[in-house]
Amino acid sequence: MMATTQISTVHSEETNTPPVHRAEQLVGAGKQAHILLGDQTYILRITRAGKLILTK
């Protein structure tokens, strides 16, 4: 079972801007996070070069 973590976001309803999430907060102490969309699980990974990769 995956633990859930409260993520702080920056979002302005008035300006209709999308929410902003810090990748470091999403992955926590590790280098990857699982993201659920419907019944699919995606993996967000931070590479050694500091880039993001999202895979199914």
PDB file of N, CA and C in Angstrom:
ATOM      1  N   MET A   1       0.845  -1.183   0.000  1.00  0.00           N
ATOM      2  CA  MET A   1       0.000   0.000   0.000  1.00  0.00           C
ATOM      3  C   MET A   1       0.884   1.238   0.000  1.00  0.00           C
ATOM      4  N   MET A   2       0.538   2.224  -0.827  1.00  0.00           N
ATOM      5  CA  MET A   2       1.316   3.454  -0.893  1.00  0.00           C
ATOM      6  C   MET A   2       0.850   4.440   0.164  1.00  0.00           C
ATOM      7  N   ALA A   3       1.810   5.117   0.779  1.00  0.00           N
ATOM      8  CA  ALA A   3       1.487   6.149   1.749  1.00  0.00           C
ATOM      9  C   ALA A   3       1.121   7.423   0.992  1.00  0.00           C
ATOM     10  N   THR A   4       0.202   8.186   1.544  1.00  0.00           N
ATOM     11  CA  THR A   4      -0.143   9.460   0.923  1.00  0.00           C
ATOM     12  C   THR A   4       0.499  10.579   1.702  1.00  0.00           C
ATOM     13  N   THR A   5       0.899  11.614   0.991  1.00  0.00           N
ATOM     14  CA  THR A   5       1.551  12.759   1.598  1.00  0.00           C
ATOM     15  C   THR A   5       0.803  14.015   1.206  1.00  0.00           C
ATOM     16  N   GLN A   6       0.619  14.909   2.160  1.00  0.00           N
ATOM     17  CA  GLN A   6      -0.018  16.187   1.862  1.00  0.00           C
ATOM     18  C   GLN A   6       0.958  17.033   1.059  1.00  0.00           C
ATOM     19  N   ILE A   7       0.543  17.491  -0.114  1.00  0.00           N
ATOM     20  CA  ILE A   7       1.381  18.297  -0.991  1.00  0.00           C
ATOM     21  C   ILE A   7       0.852  19.721  -0.980  1.00  0.00           C
ATOM     22  N   SER A   8       1.745  20.674  -0.717  1.00  0.00           N
ATOM     23  CA  SER A   8       1.311  22.061  -0.782  1.00  0.00           C
ATOM     24  C   SER A   8       1.392  22.527  -2.230  1.00  0.00           C
ATOM     25  N   THR A   9       0.393  23.271  -2.646  1.00  0.00           N
ATOM     26  CA  THR A   9       0.343  23.750  -4.020  1.00  0.00           C
ATOM     27  C   THR A   9       0.152  25.250  -4.038  1.00  0.00           C
ATOM     28  N   VAL A  10       0.547  25.841  -5.148  1.00  0.00           N
ATOM     29  CA  VAL A  10       0.318  27.256  -5.382  1.00  0.00           C
ATOM     30  C   VAL A  10      -0.711  27.320  -6.492  1.00  0.00           C
ATOM     31  N   HIS A  11      -1.835  27.979  -6.226  1.00  0.00           N
ATOM     32  CA  HIS A  11      -2.916  28.007  -7.209  1.00  0.00           C
ATOM     33  C   HIS A  11      -3.726  29.274  -7.021  1.00  0.00           C
ATOM     34  N   SER A  12      -4.060  29.911  -8.110  1.00  0.00           N
ATOM     35  CA  SER A  12      -4.887  31.101  -8.025  1.00  0.00           C
ATOM     36  C   SER A  12      -6.176  30.884  -8.803  1.00  0.00           C
ATOM     37  N   GLU A  13      -7.279  30.769  -8.092  1.00  0.00           N
ATOM     38  CA  GLU A  13      -8.586  30.592  -8.735  1.00  0.00           C
ATOM     39  C   GLU A  13      -8.957  31.841  -9.519  1.00  0.00           C
ATOM     40  N   GLU A  14      -8.524  33.005  -9.036  1.00  0.00           N
ATOM     41  CA  GLU A  14      -8.906  34.264  -9.666  1.00  0.00           C
ATOM     42  C   GLU A  14      -8.270  34.441 -11.037  1.00  0.00           C
ATOM     43  N   THR A  15      -7.030  33.985 -11.221  1.00  0.00           N
ATOM     44  CA  THR A  15      -6.346  34.175 -12.499  1.00  0.00           C
ATOM     45  C   THR A  15      -6.430  32.943 -13.383  1.00  0.00           C
ATOM     46  N   ASN A  16      -7.101  31.888 -12.904  1.00  0.00           N
ATOM     47  CA  ASN A  16      -7.287  30.669 -13.684  1.00  0.00           C
ATOM     48  C   ASN A  16      -5.976  29.978 -14.049  1.00  0.00           C
ATOM     49  N   THR A  17      -4.939  30.142 -13.236  1.00  0.00           N
ATOM     50  CA  THR A  17      -3.665  29.474 -13.486  1.00  0.00           C
ATOM     51  C   THR A  17      -3.725  28.052 -12.942  1.00  0.00           C
ATOM     52  N   PRO A  18      -3.035  27.127 -13.606  1.00  0.00           N
ATOM     53  CA  PRO A  18      -3.046  25.748 -13.109  1.00  0.00           C
ATOM     54  C   PRO A  18      -2.251  25.627 -11.814  1.00  0.00           C
ATOM     55  N   PRO A  19      -2.526  24.596 -11.029  1.00  0.00           N
ATOM     56  CA  PRO A  19      -1.762  24.400  -9.794  1.00  0.00           C
ATOM     57  C   PRO A  19      -0.299  24.097 -10.103  1.00  0.00           C
ATOM     58  N   VAL A  20       0.583  24.466  -9.191  1.00  0.00           N
ATOM     59  CA  VAL A  20       2.021  24.218  -9.324  1.00  0.00           C
ATOM     60  C   VAL A  20       2.439  23.266  -8.213  1.00  0.00           C
ATOM     61  N   HIS A  21       3.131  22.183  -8.585  1.00  0.00           N
ATOM     62  CA  HIS A  21       3.618  21.197  -7.617  1.00  0.00           C
ATOM     63  C   HIS A  21       5.124  21.089  -7.760  1.00  0.00           C
ATOM     64  N   ARG A  22       5.851  21.093  -6.659  1.00  0.00           N
ATOM     65  CA  ARG A  22       7.296  20.911  -6.701  1.00  0.00           C
ATOM     66  C   ARG A  22       7.579  19.416  -6.823  1.00  0.00           C
ATOM     67  N   ALA A  23       8.347  19.037  -7.830  1.00  0.00           N
ATOM     68  CA  ALA A  23       8.667  17.628  -8.070  1.00  0.00           C
ATOM     69  C   ALA A  23       9.344  17.014  -6.853  1.00  0.00           C
ATOM     70  N   GLU A  24      10.185  17.770  -6.177  1.00  0.00           N
ATOM     71  CA  GLU A  24      10.877  17.257  -4.993  1.00  0.00           C
ATOM     72  C   GLU A  24       9.890  16.878  -3.900  1.00  0.00           C
ATOM     73  N   GLN A  25       8.795  17.612  -3.786  1.00  0.00           N
ATOM     74  CA  GLN A  25       7.776  17.267  -2.791  1.00  0.00           C
ATOM     75  C   GLN A  25       7.009  16.021  -3.221  1.00  0.00           C
ATOM     76  N   LEU A  26       6.773  15.874  -4.512  1.00  0.00           N
ATOM     77  CA  LEU A  26       6.049  14.699  -4.999  1.00  0.00           C
ATOM     78  C   LEU A  26       6.822  13.414  -4.757  1.00  0.00           C
ATOM     79  N   VAL A  27       8.136  13.442  -4.965  1.00  0.00           N
ATOM     80  CA  VAL A  27       8.928  12.225  -4.824  1.00  0.00           C
ATOM     81  C   VAL A  27       9.419  12.010  -3.399  1.00  0.00           C
ATOM     82  N   GLY A  28       9.350  13.025  -2.562  1.00  0.00           N
ATOM     83  CA  GLY A  28       9.797  12.891  -1.176  1.00  0.00           C
ATOM     84  C   GLY A  28      11.294  12.637  -1.102  1.00  0.00           C
ATOM     85  N   ALA A  29      11.702  11.706  -0.245  1.00  0.00           N
ATOM     86  CA  ALA A  29      13.119  11.414  -0.055  1.00  0.00           C
ATOM     87  C   ALA A  29      13.701  10.603  -1.214  1.00  0.00           C
ATOM     88  N   GLY A  30      12.845   9.997  -2.011  1.00  0.00           N
ATOM     89  CA  GLY A  30      13.314   9.172  -3.122  1.00  0.00           C
ATOM     90  C   GLY A  30      13.458   9.965  -4.400  1.00  0.00           C
ATOM     91  N   LYS A  31      13.524   9.256  -5.506  1.00  0.00           N
ATOM     92  CA  LYS A  31      13.668   9.893  -6.813  1.00  0.00           C
ATOM     93  C   LYS A  31      12.486   9.603  -7.725  1.00  0.00           C
ATOM     94  N   GLN A  32      11.427   8.948  -7.191  1.00  0.00           N
ATOM     95  CA  GLN A  32      10.276   8.678  -8.037  1.00  0.00           C
ATOM     96  C   GLN A  32       8.984   8.704  -7.238  1.00  0.00           C
ATOM     97  N   ALA A  33       7.878   8.957  -7.961  1.00  0.00           N
ATOM     98  CA  ALA A  33       6.546   8.969  -7.363  1.00  0.00           C
ATOM     99  C   ALA A  33       5.596   8.259  -8.301  1.00  0.00           C
ATOM    100  N   HIS A  34       4.591   7.618  -7.757  1.00  0.00           N
ATOM    101  CA  HIS A  34       3.547   6.985  -8.557  1.00  0.00           C
ATOM    102  C   HIS A  34       2.378   7.948  -8.620  1.00  0.00           C
ATOM    103  N   ILE A  35       1.862   8.170  -9.824  1.00  0.00           N
ATOM    104  CA  ILE A  35       0.742   9.079 -10.048  1.00  0.00           C
ATOM    105  C   ILE A  35      -0.400   8.271 -10.643  1.00  0.00           C
ATOM    106  N   LEU A  36      -1.565   8.340 -10.020  1.00  0.00           N
ATOM    107  CA  LEU A  36      -2.721   7.595 -10.486  1.00  0.00           C
ATOM    108  C   LEU A  36      -3.620   8.493 -11.321  1.00  0.00           C
ATOM    109  N   LEU A  37      -4.057   7.972 -12.461  1.00  0.00           N
ATOM    110  CA  LEU A  37      -5.027   8.647 -13.324  1.00  0.00           C
ATOM    111  C   LEU A  37      -6.026   7.593 -13.768  1.00  0.00           C
ATOM    112  N   GLY A  38      -7.228   7.660 -13.225  1.00  0.00           N
ATOM    113  CA  GLY A  38      -8.209   6.606 -13.492  1.00  0.00           C
ATOM    114  C   GLY A  38      -7.691   5.295 -12.952  1.00  0.00           C
ATOM    115  N   ASP A  39      -7.626   4.283 -13.819  1.00  0.00           N
ATOM    116  CA  ASP A  39      -7.106   2.985 -13.378  1.00  0.00           C
ATOM    117  C   ASP A  39      -5.662   2.764 -13.821  1.00  0.00           C
ATOM    118  N   GLN A  40      -5.019   3.811 -14.308  1.00  0.00           N
ATOM    119  CA  GLN A  40      -3.620   3.719 -14.761  1.00  0.00           C
ATOM    120  C   GLN A  40      -2.670   4.309 -13.719  1.00  0.00           C
ATOM    121  N   THR A  41      -1.501   3.694 -13.589  1.00  0.00           N
ATOM    122  CA  THR A  41      -0.457   4.205 -12.708  1.00  0.00           C
ATOM    123  C   THR A  41       0.716   4.655 -13.553  1.00  0.00           C
ATOM    124  N   TYR A  42       1.158   5.885 -13.330  1.00  0.00           N
ATOM    125  CA  TYR A  42       2.309   6.438 -14.027  1.00  0.00           C
ATOM    126  C   TYR A  42       3.431   6.627 -13.015  1.00  0.00           C
ATOM    127  N   ILE A  43       4.669   6.613 -13.506  1.00  0.00           N
ATOM    128  CA  ILE A  43       5.827   6.819 -12.636  1.00  0.00           C
ATOM    129  C   ILE A  43       6.516   8.109 -13.060  1.00  0.00           C
ATOM    130  N   LEU A  44       6.648   9.029 -12.107  1.00  0.00           N
ATOM    131  CA  LEU A  44       7.383  10.267 -12.312  1.00  0.00           C
ATOM    132  C   LEU A  44       8.749  10.077 -11.683  1.00  0.00           C
ATOM    133  N   ARG A  45       9.801  10.260 -12.479  1.00  0.00           N
ATOM    134  CA  ARG A  45      11.156  10.017 -11.981  1.00  0.00           C
ATOM    135  C   ARG A  45      12.032  11.227 -12.236  1.00  0.00           C
ATOM    136  N   ILE A  46      12.863  11.572 -11.249  1.00  0.00           N
ATOM    137  CA  ILE A  46      13.867  12.622 -11.413  1.00  0.00           C
ATOM    138  C   ILE A  46      15.182  11.928 -11.756  1.00  0.00           C
ATOM    139  N   THR A  47      15.784  12.297 -12.881  1.00  0.00           N
ATOM    140  CA  THR A  47      17.033  11.671 -13.319  1.00  0.00           C
ATOM    141  C   THR A  47      18.223  12.279 -12.586  1.00  0.00           C
ATOM    142  N   ARG A  48      19.384  11.653 -12.765  1.00  0.00           N
ATOM    143  CA  ARG A  48      20.613  12.205 -12.161  1.00  0.00           C
ATOM    144  C   ARG A  48      20.933  13.582 -12.710  1.00  0.00           C
ATOM    145  N   ALA A  49      20.491  13.859 -13.947  1.00  0.00           N
ATOM    146  CA  ALA A  49      20.740  15.163 -14.572  1.00  0.00           C
ATOM    147  C   ALA A  49      19.705  16.201 -14.139  1.00  0.00           C
ATOM    148  N   GLY A  50      18.759  15.812 -13.272  1.00  0.00           N
ATOM    149  CA  GLY A  50      17.763  16.758 -12.778  1.00  0.00           C
ATOM    150  C   GLY A  50      16.588  16.958 -13.727  1.00  0.00           C
ATOM    151  N   LYS A  51      16.393  16.043 -14.651  1.00  0.00           N
ATOM    152  CA  LYS A  51      15.264  16.096 -15.594  1.00  0.00           C
ATOM    153  C   LYS A  51      14.135  15.205 -15.081  1.00  0.00           C
ATOM    154  N   LEU A  52      12.921  15.434 -15.601  1.00  0.00           N
ATOM    155  CA  LEU A  52      11.774  14.614 -15.226  1.00  0.00           C
ATOM    156  C   LEU A  52      11.406  13.670 -16.345  1.00  0.00           C
ATOM    157  N   ILE A  53      11.062  12.439 -15.980  1.00  0.00           N
ATOM    158  CA  ILE A  53      10.571  11.444 -16.929  1.00  0.00           C
ATOM    159  C   ILE A  53       9.270  10.900 -16.367  1.00  0.00           C
ATOM    160  N   LEU A  54       8.223  10.883 -17.211  1.00  0.00           N
ATOM    161  CA  LEU A  54       6.940  10.311 -16.835  1.00  0.00           C
ATOM    162  C   LEU A  54       6.682   9.114 -17.722  1.00  0.00           C
ATOM    163  N   THR A  55       6.527   7.930 -17.108  1.00  0.00           N
ATOM    164  CA  THR A  55       6.298   6.702 -17.874  1.00  0.00           C
ATOM    165  C   THR A  55       5.055   6.007 -17.339  1.00  0.00           C
ATOM    166  N   LYS A  56       4.522   5.123 -18.180  1.00  0.00           N
ATOM    167  CA  LYS A  56       3.351   4.337 -17.828  1.00  0.00           C
ATOM    168  C   LYS A  56       3.777   3.037 -17.191  1.00  0.00           C
TER     169      LYS A  56
END
